[in-house]
Amino acid sequence: MQRFRNSDALAFRVESVSQLYDVKRDRLKKITVSLPIDRVDDKMVAELQTIIEDHPGDTTLMVRLALPDRTALSLQSRTKTVDVDRRLLTELQSMDLEYHIN
């Protein structure tokens, strides 16, 4: 932004315009799903696996296991990547899981 001489007006200059799809494809690198270790059981793992398999894509999948002593262990899936879309996020929210998009 640049201030004009003798004025309170500001200039706003657009440097680039991209379609939202292109921004998602080019800038979305990973999604991290946080799992409290005390809630992890066979049912949760199976449900999460089904959700992941229903959303194949190119985004790296990270899993963050939150331990009771407030530390965490981050794991990257070597074989699974996902398509981060509204359905995936809704399904993670329905499982009451936190996620971070990076």
Protein backbone atom coordinates (compact mmCIF):
# COMPACT_ATOMS: atom_id res chain seq x y z
CA MET A 1 0.00 0.00 0.00
CA GLN A 2 1.16 3.49 -0.73
CA ARG A 3 -0.10 6.67 0.78
CA PHE A 4 -0.87 9.51 -1.62
CA ARG A 5 0.73 12.87 -0.95
CA ASN A 6 -1.34 15.14 1.31
CA SER A 7 -4.13 12.59 1.57
CA ASP A 8 -5.45 9.93 3.92
CA ALA A 9 -6.30 7.68 0.97
CA LEU A 10 -4.42 4.43 0.46
CA ALA A 11 -3.66 2.67 -2.79
CA PHE A 12 -4.34 -1.05 -3.12
CA ARG A 13 -2.57 -2.89 -5.94
CA VAL A 14 -3.53 -6.44 -7.01
CA GLU A 15 -0.42 -8.36 -7.99
CA SER A 16 -2.02 -11.63 -9.05
CA VAL A 17 -5.38 -13.34 -9.42
CA SER A 18 -5.84 -17.11 -9.22
CA GLN A 19 -8.81 -19.40 -9.34
CA LEU A 20 -9.62 -21.03 -6.02
CA TYR A 21 -9.11 -24.51 -7.47
CA ASP A 22 -5.58 -23.58 -8.57
CA VAL A 23 -4.76 -22.13 -5.16
CA LYS A 24 -5.92 -25.34 -3.49
CA ARG A 25 -3.93 -27.50 -5.88
CA ASP A 26 -0.74 -25.43 -5.71
CA ARG A 27 -0.65 -24.31 -2.09
CA LEU A 28 -2.43 -26.94 -0.03
CA LYS A 29 0.37 -29.27 1.03
CA LYS A 30 -0.95 -31.30 3.96
CA ILE A 31 -3.76 -31.89 6.40
CA THR A 32 -3.03 -32.88 9.98
CA VAL A 33 -5.71 -34.80 11.89
CA SER A 34 -5.33 -34.68 15.67
CA LEU A 35 -6.29 -37.78 17.66
CA PRO A 36 -6.33 -37.81 21.45
CA ILE A 37 -4.60 -41.10 22.29
CA ASP A 38 -7.19 -41.92 24.97
CA ARG A 39 -9.98 -41.90 22.34
CA VAL A 40 -8.20 -44.13 19.82
CA ASP A 41 -9.78 -47.57 19.53
CA ASP A 42 -10.46 -50.10 16.77
CA LYS A 43 -13.80 -48.50 15.86
CA MET A 44 -12.28 -45.02 15.49
CA VAL A 45 -9.37 -46.31 13.42
CA ALA A 46 -11.73 -48.23 11.12
CA GLU A 47 -14.01 -45.20 10.68
CA LEU A 48 -11.07 -42.89 9.98
CA GLN A 49 -9.61 -45.38 7.51
CA THR A 50 -12.93 -45.55 5.64
CA ILE A 51 -13.12 -41.76 5.44
CA ILE A 52 -9.54 -41.54 4.14
CA GLU A 53 -10.14 -44.22 1.52
CA ASP A 54 -13.31 -42.42 0.37
CA HIS A 55 -11.30 -39.25 -0.37
CA PRO A 56 -8.22 -40.21 -2.41
CA GLY A 57 -6.18 -37.27 -3.63
CA ASP A 58 -2.79 -35.60 -3.65
CA THR A 59 -2.63 -33.90 -0.24
CA THR A 60 -0.22 -35.35 2.33
CA LEU A 61 -1.97 -36.86 5.35
CA MET A 62 -0.47 -36.31 8.79
CA VAL A 63 -1.79 -37.81 12.02
CA ARG A 64 -0.98 -36.13 15.32
CA LEU A 65 -1.41 -38.34 18.39
CA ALA A 66 -2.00 -36.18 21.45
CA LEU A 67 -0.54 -37.84 24.54
CA PRO A 68 -1.86 -37.28 28.10
CA ASP A 69 1.30 -35.43 29.21
CA ARG A 70 0.55 -32.66 26.65
CA THR A 71 3.14 -33.90 24.18
CA ALA A 72 2.30 -35.14 20.72
CA LEU A 73 3.62 -37.56 18.17
CA SER A 74 3.26 -36.56 14.50
CA LEU A 75 3.12 -39.29 11.87
CA GLN A 76 3.01 -38.97 8.10
CA SER A 77 1.16 -41.55 6.06
CA ARG A 78 3.45 -43.09 3.47
CA THR A 79 0.72 -44.76 1.47
CA LYS A 80 -2.38 -42.55 1.83
CA THR A 81 -3.02 -39.08 0.48
CA VAL A 82 -6.38 -37.32 0.48
CA ASP A 83 -8.47 -34.80 -1.41
CA VAL A 84 -9.32 -32.05 1.05
CA ASP A 85 -12.89 -31.10 0.23
CA ARG A 86 -15.96 -30.02 2.19
CA ARG A 87 -17.18 -33.62 2.58
CA LEU A 88 -13.90 -34.77 4.13
CA LEU A 89 -13.88 -31.88 6.59
CA THR A 90 -17.52 -32.48 7.51
CA GLU A 91 -16.84 -36.17 8.15
CA LEU A 92 -13.85 -35.35 10.37
CA GLN A 93 -15.97 -32.86 12.29
CA SER A 94 -18.72 -35.45 12.72
CA MET A 95 -16.14 -37.69 14.42
CA ASP A 96 -15.33 -34.72 16.69
CA LEU A 97 -11.74 -34.63 15.41
CA GLU A 98 -9.61 -31.53 15.09
CA TYR A 99 -7.68 -30.91 11.90
CA HIS A 100 -5.28 -28.30 10.58
CA ILE A 101 -4.78 -27.50 6.92
CA ASN A 102 -1.27 -26.41 6.00
